[in-house]
Amino acid sequence: MYKNGFTSLPIPTLALLISSLLLSFSAVSQSDEDDELARMQALLNAEVMSKPFLAEKPEEVDAYIKSMLDKGVKPKEYQGTNWRPGYTCRDLLRYNWREYRNCRYYHRYYGRYY
């Protein structure tokens, strides 16, 4: 009945066989893709965690501002390279905590940003 191999199979049986093969290939492909995504996510997490986390430390900043105001020290103009038009002090926090602190002092003293 099936002398010529797959070509003599009934059409529904052949379609079912091809569908099964395609499904199994896509399942393997999906599994490989999931593994690759998990590996990439782990690399990204490691990269993020390797960078220092610069928290605002509001108590420390407020203490610095109070001590500088008590001493009567005028804040310096911005000397760094990270300031951009439209930034606030919080934007500097991603670069350097000291720049953030000095910006907060400048803003408190003059009532404006750099």
PDB file of N, CA and C in Angstrom:
ATOM      1  N   MET A   1       0.822  -1.189   0.000  1.00  0.00           N
ATOM      2  CA  MET A   1       0.000   0.000   0.000  1.00  0.00           C
ATOM      3  C   MET A   1       0.873   1.262   0.000  1.00  0.00           C
ATOM      4  N   TYR A   2       1.983   1.292   0.760  1.00  0.00           N
ATOM      5  CA  TYR A   2       2.859   2.463   0.832  1.00  0.00           C
ATOM      6  C   TYR A   2       4.218   2.132   0.203  1.00  0.00           C
ATOM      7  N   LYS A   3       4.235   1.818  -1.071  1.00  0.00           N
ATOM      8  CA  LYS A   3       5.467   1.398  -1.742  1.00  0.00           C
ATOM      9  C   LYS A   3       6.439   2.550  -1.944  1.00  0.00           C
ATOM     10  N   ASN A   4       5.934   3.716  -2.226  1.00  0.00           N
ATOM     11  CA  ASN A   4       6.787   4.841  -2.606  1.00  0.00           C
ATOM     12  C   ASN A   4       7.140   5.747  -1.422  1.00  0.00           C
ATOM     13  N   GLY A   5       7.086   5.286  -0.209  1.00  0.00           N
ATOM     14  CA  GLY A   5       7.441   6.090   0.955  1.00  0.00           C
ATOM     15  C   GLY A   5       6.371   7.117   1.286  1.00  0.00           C
ATOM     16  N   PHE A   6       6.791   8.365   1.575  1.00  0.00           N
ATOM     17  CA  PHE A   6       5.868   9.413   2.023  1.00  0.00           C
ATOM     18  C   PHE A   6       4.921   9.863   0.922  1.00  0.00           C
ATOM     19  N   THR A   7       5.330   9.775  -0.312  1.00  0.00           N
ATOM     20  CA  THR A   7       4.494  10.305  -1.393  1.00  0.00           C
ATOM     21  C   THR A   7       3.208   9.537  -1.560  1.00  0.00           C
ATOM     22  N   SER A   8       3.161   8.298  -1.108  1.00  0.00           N
ATOM     23  CA  SER A   8       1.928   7.536  -1.263  1.00  0.00           C
ATOM     24  C   SER A   8       1.060   7.569  -0.005  1.00  0.00           C
ATOM     25  N   LEU A   9       1.454   8.355   1.011  1.00  0.00           N
ATOM     26  CA  LEU A   9       0.628   8.494   2.218  1.00  0.00           C
ATOM     27  C   LEU A   9      -0.615   9.310   1.890  1.00  0.00           C
ATOM     28  N   PRO A  10      -1.725   9.020   2.554  1.00  0.00           N
ATOM     29  CA  PRO A  10      -2.921   9.849   2.341  1.00  0.00           C
ATOM     30  C   PRO A  10      -2.634  11.288   2.776  1.00  0.00           C
ATOM     31  N   ILE A  11      -3.250  12.224   2.115  1.00  0.00           N
ATOM     32  CA  ILE A  11      -3.001  13.657   2.343  1.00  0.00           C
ATOM     33  C   ILE A  11      -3.209  14.038   3.810  1.00  0.00           C
ATOM     34  N   PRO A  12      -4.298  13.657   4.480  1.00  0.00           N
ATOM     35  CA  PRO A  12      -4.449  14.056   5.889  1.00  0.00           C
ATOM     36  C   PRO A  12      -3.320  13.516   6.775  1.00  0.00           C
ATOM     37  N   THR A  13      -2.871  12.312   6.519  1.00  0.00           N
ATOM     38  CA  THR A  13      -1.786  11.736   7.312  1.00  0.00           C
ATOM     39  C   THR A  13      -0.482  12.489   7.063  1.00  0.00           C
ATOM     40  N   LEU A  14      -0.217  12.811   5.802  1.00  0.00           N
ATOM     41  CA  LEU A  14       0.980  13.562   5.440  1.00  0.00           C
ATOM     42  C   LEU A  14       0.952  14.959   6.071  1.00  0.00           C
ATOM     43  N   ALA A  15      -0.207  15.613   6.037  1.00  0.00           N
ATOM     44  CA  ALA A  15      -0.348  16.947   6.633  1.00  0.00           C
ATOM     45  C   ALA A  15      -0.121  16.885   8.143  1.00  0.00           C
ATOM     46  N   LEU A  16      -0.649  15.857   8.784  1.00  0.00           N
ATOM     47  CA  LEU A  16      -0.468  15.693  10.224  1.00  0.00           C
ATOM     48  C   LEU A  16       1.003  15.460  10.566  1.00  0.00           C
ATOM     49  N   LEU A  17       1.681  14.661   9.767  1.00  0.00           N
ATOM     50  CA  LEU A  17       3.092  14.388   9.985  1.00  0.00           C
ATOM     51  C   LEU A  17       3.934  15.657   9.834  1.00  0.00           C
ATOM     52  N   ILE A  18       3.675  16.428   8.806  1.00  0.00           N
ATOM     53  CA  ILE A  18       4.414  17.673   8.574  1.00  0.00           C
ATOM     54  C   ILE A  18       4.134  18.673   9.691  1.00  0.00           C
ATOM     55  N   SER A  19       2.874  18.779  10.102  1.00  0.00           N
ATOM     56  CA  SER A  19       2.513  19.694  11.193  1.00  0.00           C
ATOM     57  C   SER A  19       3.233  19.316  12.481  1.00  0.00           C
ATOM     58  N   SER A  20       3.288  18.024  12.766  1.00  0.00           N
ATOM     59  CA  SER A  20       3.968  17.563  13.978  1.00  0.00           C
ATOM     60  C   SER A  20       5.451  17.908  13.943  1.00  0.00           C
ATOM     61  N   LEU A  21       6.082  17.717  12.794  1.00  0.00           N
ATOM     62  CA  LEU A  21       7.502  18.048  12.659  1.00  0.00           C
ATOM     63  C   LEU A  21       7.740  19.540  12.852  1.00  0.00           C
ATOM     64  N   LEU A  22       6.914  20.363  12.229  1.00  0.00           N
ATOM     65  CA  LEU A  22       7.071  21.812  12.356  1.00  0.00           C
ATOM     66  C   LEU A  22       6.871  22.271  13.798  1.00  0.00           C
ATOM     67  N   LEU A  23       5.878  21.698  14.458  1.00  0.00           N
ATOM     68  CA  LEU A  23       5.626  22.053  15.852  1.00  0.00           C
ATOM     69  C   LEU A  23       6.800  21.676  16.751  1.00  0.00           C
ATOM     70  N   SER A  24       7.370  20.516  16.532  1.00  0.00           N
ATOM     71  CA  SER A  24       8.490  20.101  17.379  1.00  0.00           C
ATOM     72  C   SER A  24       9.710  20.982  17.134  1.00  0.00           C
ATOM     73  N   PHE A  25       9.954  21.392  15.880  1.00  0.00           N
ATOM     74  CA  PHE A  25      11.071  22.298  15.593  1.00  0.00           C
ATOM     75  C   PHE A  25      10.858  23.657  16.240  1.00  0.00           C
ATOM     76  N   SER A  26       9.627  24.174  16.194  1.00  0.00           N
ATOM     77  CA  SER A  26       9.375  25.487  16.791  1.00  0.00           C
ATOM     78  C   SER A  26       9.481  25.423  18.312  1.00  0.00           C
ATOM     79  N   ALA A  27       9.111  24.298  18.913  1.00  0.00           N
ATOM     80  CA  ALA A  27       9.230  24.151  20.366  1.00  0.00           C
ATOM     81  C   ALA A  27      10.697  24.161  20.782  1.00  0.00           C
ATOM     82  N   VAL A  28      11.541  23.483  20.020  1.00  0.00           N
ATOM     83  CA  VAL A  28      12.976  23.477  20.309  1.00  0.00           C
ATOM     84  C   VAL A  28      13.536  24.877  20.121  1.00  0.00           C
ATOM     85  N   SER A  29      13.103  25.554  19.061  1.00  0.00           N
ATOM     86  CA  SER A  29      13.560  26.913  18.786  1.00  0.00           C
ATOM     87  C   SER A  29      13.129  27.853  19.908  1.00  0.00           C
ATOM     88  N   GLN A  30      11.899  27.713  20.388  1.00  0.00           N
ATOM     89  CA  GLN A  30      11.389  28.551  21.471  1.00  0.00           C
ATOM     90  C   GLN A  30      12.194  28.324  22.744  1.00  0.00           C
ATOM     91  N   SER A  31      12.521  27.076  23.018  1.00  0.00           N
ATOM     92  CA  SER A  31      13.306  26.761  24.208  1.00  0.00           C
ATOM     93  C   SER A  31      14.697  27.392  24.125  1.00  0.00           C
ATOM     94  N   ASP A  32      15.326  27.304  22.962  1.00  0.00           N
ATOM     95  CA  ASP A  32      16.640  27.927  22.773  1.00  0.00           C
ATOM     96  C   ASP A  32      16.549  29.438  22.929  1.00  0.00           C
ATOM     97  N   GLU A  33      15.486  30.018  22.396  1.00  0.00           N
ATOM     98  CA  GLU A  33      15.297  31.467  22.496  1.00  0.00           C
ATOM     99  C   GLU A  33      15.095  31.885  23.951  1.00  0.00           C
ATOM    100  N   ASP A  34      14.317  31.105  24.698  1.00  0.00           N
ATOM    101  CA  ASP A  34      14.105  31.401  26.120  1.00  0.00           C
ATOM    102  C   ASP A  34      15.418  31.323  26.900  1.00  0.00           C
ATOM    103  N   ASP A  35      16.233  30.320  26.587  1.00  0.00           N
ATOM    104  CA  ASP A  35      17.535  30.193  27.254  1.00  0.00           C
ATOM    105  C   ASP A  35      18.423  31.386  26.934  1.00  0.00           C
ATOM    106  N   GLU A  36      18.409  31.814  25.679  1.00  0.00           N
ATOM    107  CA  GLU A  36      19.224  32.961  25.266  1.00  0.00           C
ATOM    108  C   GLU A  36      18.748  34.238  25.960  1.00  0.00           C
ATOM    109  N   LEU A  37      17.425  34.427  26.048  1.00  0.00           N
ATOM    110  CA  LEU A  37      16.887  35.605  26.734  1.00  0.00           C
ATOM    111  C   LEU A  37      17.260  35.600  28.217  1.00  0.00           C
ATOM    112  N   ALA A  38      17.200  34.447  28.843  1.00  0.00           N
ATOM    113  CA  ALA A  38      17.566  34.348  30.260  1.00  0.00           C
ATOM    114  C   ALA A  38      19.051  34.664  30.453  1.00  0.00           C
ATOM    115  N   ARG A  39      19.894  34.189  29.542  1.00  0.00           N
ATOM    116  CA  ARG A  39      21.332  34.462  29.627  1.00  0.00           C
ATOM    117  C   ARG A  39      21.605  35.955  29.449  1.00  0.00           C
ATOM    118  N   MET A  40      20.924  36.575  28.471  1.00  0.00           N
ATOM    119  CA  MET A  40      21.110  38.004  28.228  1.00  0.00           C
ATOM    120  C   MET A  40      20.631  38.833  29.418  1.00  0.00           C
ATOM    121  N   GLN A  41      19.511  38.426  30.034  1.00  0.00           N
ATOM    122  CA  GLN A  41      18.992  39.140  31.201  1.00  0.00           C
ATOM    123  C   GLN A  41      19.968  39.036  32.369  1.00  0.00           C
ATOM    124  N   ALA A  42      20.559  37.865  32.548  1.00  0.00           N
ATOM    125  CA  ALA A  42      21.536  37.688  33.626  1.00  0.00           C
ATOM    126  C   ALA A  42      22.760  38.580  33.402  1.00  0.00           C
ATOM    127  N   LEU A  43      23.215  38.693  32.154  1.00  0.00           N
ATOM    128  CA  LEU A  43      24.347  39.573  31.847  1.00  0.00           C
ATOM    129  C   LEU A  43      23.997  41.030  32.123  1.00  0.00           C
ATOM    130  N   LEU A  44      22.795  41.438  31.725  1.00  0.00           N
ATOM    131  CA  LEU A  44      22.359  42.812  31.960  1.00  0.00           C
ATOM    132  C   LEU A  44      22.264  43.100  33.457  1.00  0.00           C
ATOM    133  N   ASN A  45      21.702  42.168  34.210  1.00  0.00           N
ATOM    134  CA  ASN A  45      21.604  42.342  35.662  1.00  0.00           C
ATOM    135  C   ASN A  45      22.992  42.485  36.292  1.00  0.00           C
ATOM    136  N   ALA A  46      23.938  41.671  35.838  1.00  0.00           N
ATOM    137  CA  ALA A  46      25.296  41.746  36.379  1.00  0.00           C
ATOM    138  C   ALA A  46      25.934  43.093  36.054  1.00  0.00           C
ATOM    139  N   GLU A  47      25.691  43.595  34.852  1.00  0.00           N
ATOM    140  CA  GLU A  47      26.250  44.897  34.459  1.00  0.00           C
ATOM    141  C   GLU A  47      25.674  46.020  35.319  1.00  0.00           C
ATOM    142  N   VAL A  48      24.360  45.987  35.532  1.00  0.00           N
ATOM    143  CA  VAL A  48      23.709  47.025  36.337  1.00  0.00           C
ATOM    144  C   VAL A  48      24.206  46.977  37.779  1.00  0.00           C
ATOM    145  N   MET A  49      24.313  45.786  38.326  1.00  0.00           N
ATOM    146  CA  MET A  49      24.721  45.659  39.723  1.00  0.00           C
ATOM    147  C   MET A  49      26.206  45.976  39.930  1.00  0.00           C
ATOM    148  N   SER A  50      27.004  45.951  38.864  1.00  0.00           N
ATOM    149  CA  SER A  50      28.429  46.248  39.012  1.00  0.00           C
ATOM    150  C   SER A  50      28.693  47.743  39.150  1.00  0.00           C
ATOM    151  N   LYS A  51      27.730  48.570  38.742  1.00  0.00           N
ATOM    152  CA  LYS A  51      27.900  50.020  38.833  1.00  0.00           C
ATOM    153  C   LYS A  51      27.488  50.498  40.224  1.00  0.00           C
ATOM    154  N   PRO A  52      28.119  51.543  40.720  1.00  0.00           N
ATOM    155  CA  PRO A  52      27.763  52.023  42.060  1.00  0.00           C
ATOM    156  C   PRO A  52      26.359  52.626  42.080  1.00  0.00           C
ATOM    157  N   PHE A  53      25.671  52.398  43.165  1.00  0.00           N
ATOM    158  CA  PHE A  53      24.340  52.967  43.347  1.00  0.00           C
ATOM    159  C   PHE A  53      24.490  54.233  44.176  1.00  0.00           C
ATOM    160  N   LEU A  54      24.108  55.359  43.599  1.00  0.00           N
ATOM    161  CA  LEU A  54      24.271  56.643  44.276  1.00  0.00           C
ATOM    162  C   LEU A  54      22.920  57.098  44.825  1.00  0.00           C
ATOM    163  N   ALA A  55      22.673  56.792  46.071  1.00  0.00           N
ATOM    164  CA  ALA A  55      21.423  57.199  46.705  1.00  0.00           C
ATOM    165  C   ALA A  55      21.476  58.683  47.039  1.00  0.00           C
ATOM    166  N   GLU A  56      20.321  59.277  47.181  1.00  0.00           N
ATOM    167  CA  GLU A  56      20.252  60.721  47.439  1.00  0.00           C
ATOM    168  C   GLU A  56      20.839  61.119  48.788  1.00  0.00           C
ATOM    169  N   LYS A  57      20.643  60.314  49.811  1.00  0.00           N
ATOM    170  CA  LYS A  57      21.110  60.619  51.175  1.00  0.00           C
ATOM    171  C   LYS A  57      20.660  62.017  51.607  1.00  0.00           C
ATOM    172  N   PRO A  58      19.357  62.262  51.693  1.00  0.00           N
ATOM    173  CA  PRO A  58      18.864  63.614  51.971  1.00  0.00           C
ATOM    174  C   PRO A  58      19.351  64.189  53.301  1.00  0.00           C
ATOM    175  N   GLU A  59      19.496  63.347  54.321  1.00  0.00           N
ATOM    176  CA  GLU A  59      19.955  63.864  55.616  1.00  0.00           C
ATOM    177  C   GLU A  59      21.384  64.398  55.503  1.00  0.00           C
ATOM    178  N   GLU A  60      22.220  63.664  54.781  1.00  0.00           N
ATOM    179  CA  GLU A  60      23.616  64.078  54.617  1.00  0.00           C
ATOM    180  C   GLU A  60      23.705  65.367  53.794  1.00  0.00           C
ATOM    181  N   VAL A  61      22.885  65.453  52.745  1.00  0.00           N
ATOM    182  CA  VAL A  61      22.884  66.662  51.903  1.00  0.00           C
ATOM    183  C   VAL A  61      22.388  67.858  52.707  1.00  0.00           C
ATOM    184  N   ASP A  62      21.307  67.666  53.456  1.00  0.00           N
ATOM    185  CA  ASP A  62      20.767  68.768  54.262  1.00  0.00           C
ATOM    186  C   ASP A  62      21.771  69.228  55.326  1.00  0.00           C
ATOM    187  N   ALA A  63      22.488  68.281  55.930  1.00  0.00           N
ATOM    188  CA  ALA A  63      23.510  68.642  56.923  1.00  0.00           C
ATOM    189  C   ALA A  63      24.640  69.431  56.264  1.00  0.00           C
ATOM    190  N   TYR A  64      25.036  69.026  55.067  1.00  0.00           N
ATOM    191  CA  TYR A  64      26.085  69.750  54.332  1.00  0.00           C
ATOM    192  C   TYR A  64      25.623  71.170  54.009  1.00  0.00           C
ATOM    193  N   ILE A  65      24.408  71.291  53.508  1.00  0.00           N
ATOM    194  CA  ILE A  65      23.875  72.611  53.144  1.00  0.00           C
ATOM    195  C   ILE A  65      23.810  73.506  54.376  1.00  0.00           C
ATOM    196  N   LYS A  66      23.316  72.956  55.483  1.00  0.00           N
ATOM    197  CA  LYS A  66      23.216  73.746  56.716  1.00  0.00           C
ATOM    198  C   LYS A  66      24.596  74.204  57.190  1.00  0.00           C
ATOM    199  N   SER A  67      25.571  73.307  57.140  1.00  0.00           N
ATOM    200  CA  SER A  67      26.915  73.688  57.602  1.00  0.00           C
ATOM    201  C   SER A  67      27.531  74.745  56.696  1.00  0.00           C
ATOM    202  N   MET A  68      27.311  74.650  55.398  1.00  0.00           N
ATOM    203  CA  MET A  68      27.867  75.637  54.471  1.00  0.00           C
ATOM    204  C   MET A  68      27.170  76.988  54.632  1.00  0.00           C
ATOM    205  N   LEU A  69      25.851  76.966  54.865  1.00  0.00           N
ATOM    206  CA  LEU A  69      25.128  78.219  55.091  1.00  0.00           C
ATOM    207  C   LEU A  69      25.587  78.870  56.393  1.00  0.00           C
ATOM    208  N   ASP A  70      25.810  78.050  57.422  1.00  0.00           N
ATOM    209  CA  ASP A  70      26.287  78.581  58.704  1.00  0.00           C
ATOM    210  C   ASP A  70      27.671  79.216  58.569  1.00  0.00           C
ATOM    211  N   LYS A  71      28.502  78.653  57.709  1.00  0.00           N
ATOM    212  CA  LYS A  71      29.848  79.197  57.486  1.00  0.00           C
ATOM    213  C   LYS A  71      29.833  80.396  56.545  1.00  0.00           C
ATOM    214  N   GLY A  72      28.717  80.613  55.856  1.00  0.00           N
ATOM    215  CA  GLY A  72      28.611  81.724  54.916  1.00  0.00           C
ATOM    216  C   GLY A  72      29.361  81.503  53.611  1.00  0.00           C
ATOM    217  N   VAL A  73      29.546  80.258  53.235  1.00  0.00           N
ATOM    218  CA  VAL A  73      30.276  79.934  52.002  1.00  0.00           C
ATOM    219  C   VAL A  73      29.328  80.008  50.808  1.00  0.00           C
ATOM    220  N   LYS A  74      29.738  80.775  49.791  1.00  0.00           N
ATOM    221  CA  LYS A  74      28.940  80.842  48.565  1.00  0.00           C
ATOM    222  C   LYS A  74      29.234  79.607  47.715  1.00  0.00           C
ATOM    223  N   PRO A  75      28.197  79.014  47.132  1.00  0.00           N
ATOM    224  CA  PRO A  75      28.449  77.849  46.272  1.00  0.00           C
ATOM    225  C   PRO A  75      29.158  78.261  44.985  1.00  0.00           C
ATOM    226  N   LYS A  76      30.016  77.375  44.497  1.00  0.00           N
ATOM    227  CA  LYS A  76      30.758  77.640  43.271  1.00  0.00           C
ATOM    228  C   LYS A  76      29.866  77.384  42.059  1.00  0.00           C
ATOM    229  N   GLU A  77      30.208  78.029  40.957  1.00  0.00           N
ATOM    230  CA  GLU A  77      29.538  77.723  39.694  1.00  0.00           C
ATOM    231  C   GLU A  77      29.908  76.298  39.295  1.00  0.00           C
ATOM    232  N   TYR A  78      29.075  75.715  38.466  1.00  0.00           N
ATOM    233  CA  TYR A  78      29.293  74.322  38.069  1.00  0.00           C
ATOM    234  C   TYR A  78      30.568  74.181  37.249  1.00  0.00           C
ATOM    235  N   GLN A  79      31.413  73.226  37.627  1.00  0.00           N
ATOM    236  CA  GLN A  79      32.695  72.997  36.957  1.00  0.00           C
ATOM    237  C   GLN A  79      32.721  71.703  36.141  1.00  0.00           C
ATOM    238  N   GLY A  80      31.746  70.830  36.317  1.00  0.00           N
ATOM    239  CA  GLY A  80      31.781  69.509  35.672  1.00  0.00           C
ATOM    240  C   GLY A  80      31.374  69.536  34.210  1.00  0.00           C
ATOM    241  N   THR A  81      31.188  68.344  33.663  1.00  0.00           N
ATOM    242  CA  THR A  81      30.818  68.212  32.248  1.00  0.00           C
ATOM    243  C   THR A  81      29.465  67.540  32.064  1.00  0.00           C
ATOM    244  N   ASN A  82      28.775  67.226  33.142  1.00  0.00           N
ATOM    245  CA  ASN A  82      27.540  66.444  33.043  1.00  0.00           C
ATOM    246  C   ASN A  82      26.270  67.281  32.972  1.00  0.00           C
ATOM    247  N   TRP A  83      26.345  68.558  33.287  1.00  0.00           N
ATOM    248  CA  TRP A  83      25.148  69.397  33.319  1.00  0.00           C
ATOM    249  C   TRP A  83      24.649  69.669  31.910  1.00  0.00           C
ATOM    250  N   ARG A  84      23.321  69.569  31.722  1.00  0.00           N
ATOM    251  CA  ARG A  84      22.678  69.845  30.440  1.00  0.00           C
ATOM    252  C   ARG A  84      21.508  70.789  30.678  1.00  0.00           C
ATOM    253  N   PRO A  85      21.154  71.608  29.684  1.00  0.00           N
ATOM    254  CA  PRO A  85      19.972  72.462  29.834  1.00  0.00           C
ATOM    255  C   PRO A  85      18.734  71.608  30.131  1.00  0.00           C
ATOM    256  N   GLY A  86      17.936  72.073  31.076  1.00  0.00           N
ATOM    257  CA  GLY A  86      16.728  71.338  31.454  1.00  0.00           C
ATOM    258  C   GLY A  86      16.940  70.337  32.571  1.00  0.00           C
ATOM    259  N   TYR A  87      18.170  70.125  32.985  1.00  0.00           N
ATOM    260  CA  TYR A  87      18.458  69.197  34.073  1.00  0.00           C
ATOM    261  C   TYR A  87      18.036  69.794  35.407  1.00  0.00           C
ATOM    262  N   THR A  88      17.805  68.919  36.360  1.00  0.00           N
ATOM    263  CA  THR A  88      17.680  69.301  37.761  1.00  0.00           C
ATOM    264  C   THR A  88      18.832  68.611  38.500  1.00  0.00           C
ATOM    265  N   CYS A  89      18.956  68.887  39.765  1.00  0.00           N
ATOM    266  CA  CYS A  89      20.045  68.275  40.534  1.00  0.00           C
ATOM    267  C   CYS A  89      19.946  66.752  40.508  1.00  0.00           C
ATOM    268  N   ARG A  90      18.729  66.251  40.517  1.00  0.00           N
ATOM    269  CA  ARG A  90      18.534  64.800  40.519  1.00  0.00           C
ATOM    270  C   ARG A  90      19.163  64.139  39.292  1.00  0.00           C
ATOM    271  N   ASP A  91      19.208  64.846  38.169  1.00  0.00           N
ATOM    272  CA  ASP A  91      19.830  64.288  36.968  1.00  0.00           C
ATOM    273  C   ASP A  91      21.333  64.087  37.150  1.00  0.00           C
ATOM    274  N   LEU A  92      21.954  64.889  37.994  1.00  0.00           N
ATOM    275  CA  LEU A  92      23.391  64.743  38.241  1.00  0.00           C
ATOM    276  C   LEU A  92      23.704  63.534  39.110  1.00  0.00           C
ATOM    277  N   LEU A  93      22.706  63.048  39.819  1.00  0.00           N
ATOM    278  CA  LEU A  93      22.920  61.933  40.740  1.00  0.00           C
ATOM    279  C   LEU A  93      23.422  60.690  40.011  1.00  0.00           C
ATOM    280  N   ARG A  94      23.043  60.518  38.752  1.00  0.00           N
ATOM    281  CA  ARG A  94      23.500  59.336  38.010  1.00  0.00           C
ATOM    282  C   ARG A  94      24.994  59.400  37.687  1.00  0.00           C
ATOM    283  N   TYR A  95      25.580  60.584  37.761  1.00  0.00           N
ATOM    284  CA  TYR A  95      26.995  60.743  37.423  1.00  0.00           C
ATOM    285  C   TYR A  95      27.888  60.781  38.661  1.00  0.00           C
ATOM    286  N   ASN A  96      27.486  61.604  39.638  1.00  0.00           N
ATOM    287  CA  ASN A  96      28.392  61.832  40.759  1.00  0.00           C
ATOM    288  C   ASN A  96      27.590  62.390  41.934  1.00  0.00           C
ATOM    289  N   TRP A  97      27.718  61.757  43.084  1.00  0.00           N
ATOM    290  CA  TRP A  97      26.961  62.198  44.251  1.00  0.00           C
ATOM    291  C   TRP A  97      27.407  63.583  44.707  1.00  0.00           C
ATOM    292  N   ARG A  98      28.697  63.881  44.628  1.00  0.00           N
ATOM    293  CA  ARG A  98      29.214  65.185  45.063  1.00  0.00           C
ATOM    294  C   ARG A  98      28.645  66.308  44.192  1.00  0.00           C
ATOM    295  N   GLU A  99      28.540  66.066  42.879  1.00  0.00           N
ATOM    296  CA  GLU A  99      27.941  67.071  41.992  1.00  0.00           C
ATOM    297  C   GLU A  99      26.475  67.292  42.352  1.00  0.00           C
ATOM    298  N   TYR A 100      25.792  66.198  42.688  1.00  0.00           N
ATOM    299  CA  TYR A 100      24.393  66.296  43.111  1.00  0.00           C
ATOM    300  C   TYR A 100      24.280  67.146  44.373  1.00  0.00           C
ATOM    301  N   ARG A 101      25.119  66.861  45.360  1.00  0.00           N
ATOM    302  CA  ARG A 101      25.101  67.603  46.626  1.00  0.00           C
ATOM    303  C   ARG A 101      25.383  69.084  46.396  1.00  0.00           C
ATOM    304  N   ASN A 102      26.397  69.389  45.594  1.00  0.00           N
ATOM    305  CA  ASN A 102      26.752  70.779  45.321  1.00  0.00           C
ATOM    306  C   ASN A 102      25.646  71.497  44.554  1.00  0.00           C
ATOM    307  N   CYS A 103      24.995  70.788  43.658  1.00  0.00           N
ATOM    308  CA  CYS A 103      23.874  71.372  42.916  1.00  0.00           C
ATOM    309  C   CYS A 103      22.732  71.718  43.861  1.00  0.00           C
ATOM    310  N   ARG A 104      22.450  70.823  44.806  1.00  0.00           N
ATOM    311  CA  ARG A 104      21.385  71.098  45.782  1.00  0.00           C
ATOM    312  C   ARG A 104      21.720  72.339  46.611  1.00  0.00           C
ATOM    313  N   TYR A 105      22.982  72.479  46.982  1.00  0.00           N
ATOM    314  CA  TYR A 105      23.406  73.652  47.746  1.00  0.00           C
ATOM    315  C   TYR A 105      23.271  74.909  46.893  1.00  0.00           C
ATOM    316  N   TYR A 106      23.719  74.840  45.659  1.00  0.00           N
ATOM    317  CA  TYR A 106      23.617  75.975  44.738  1.00  0.00           C
ATOM    318  C   TYR A 106      22.154  76.378  44.566  1.00  0.00           C
ATOM    319  N   HIS A 107      21.295  75.385  44.387  1.00  0.00           N
ATOM    320  CA  HIS A 107      19.866  75.652  44.195  1.00  0.00           C
ATOM    321  C   HIS A 107      19.251  76.266  45.448  1.00  0.00           C
ATOM    322  N   ARG A 108      19.632  75.781  46.613  1.00  0.00           N
ATOM    323  CA  ARG A 108      19.107  76.332  47.862  1.00  0.00           C
ATOM    324  C   ARG A 108      19.589  77.768  48.050  1.00  0.00           C
ATOM    325  N   TYR A 109      20.824  78.037  47.714  1.00  0.00           N
ATOM    326  CA  TYR A 109      21.424  79.355  47.930  1.00  0.00           C
ATOM    327  C   TYR A 109      20.871  80.394  46.950  1.00  0.00           C
ATOM    328  N   TYR A 110      20.870  80.051  45.651  1.00  0.00           N
ATOM    329  CA  TYR A 110      20.471  81.019  44.623  1.00  0.00           C
ATOM    330  C   TYR A 110      19.012  80.883  44.174  1.00  0.00           C
ATOM    331  N   GLY A 111      18.379  79.768  44.484  1.00  0.00           N
ATOM    332  CA  GLY A 111      16.986  79.569  44.076  1.00  0.00           C
ATOM    333  C   GLY A 111      16.824  79.229  42.604  1.00  0.00           C
ATOM    334  N   ARG A 112      17.898  78.841  41.966  1.00  0.00           N
ATOM    335  CA  ARG A 112      17.858  78.455  40.546  1.00  0.00           C
ATOM    336  C   ARG A 112      18.931  77.399  40.313  1.00  0.00           C
ATOM    337  N   TYR A 113      18.852  76.781  39.142  1.00  0.00           N
ATOM    338  CA  TYR A 113      19.880  75.803  38.776  1.00  0.00           C
ATOM    339  C   TYR A 113      20.997  76.496  38.017  1.00  0.00           C
ATOM    340  N   TYR A 114      22.042  75.777  37.721  1.00  0.00           N
ATOM    341  CA  TYR A 114      23.225  76.334  37.055  1.00  0.00           C
ATOM    342  C   TYR A 114      22.885  77.030  35.758  1.00  0.00           C
TER     343      TYR A 114
END
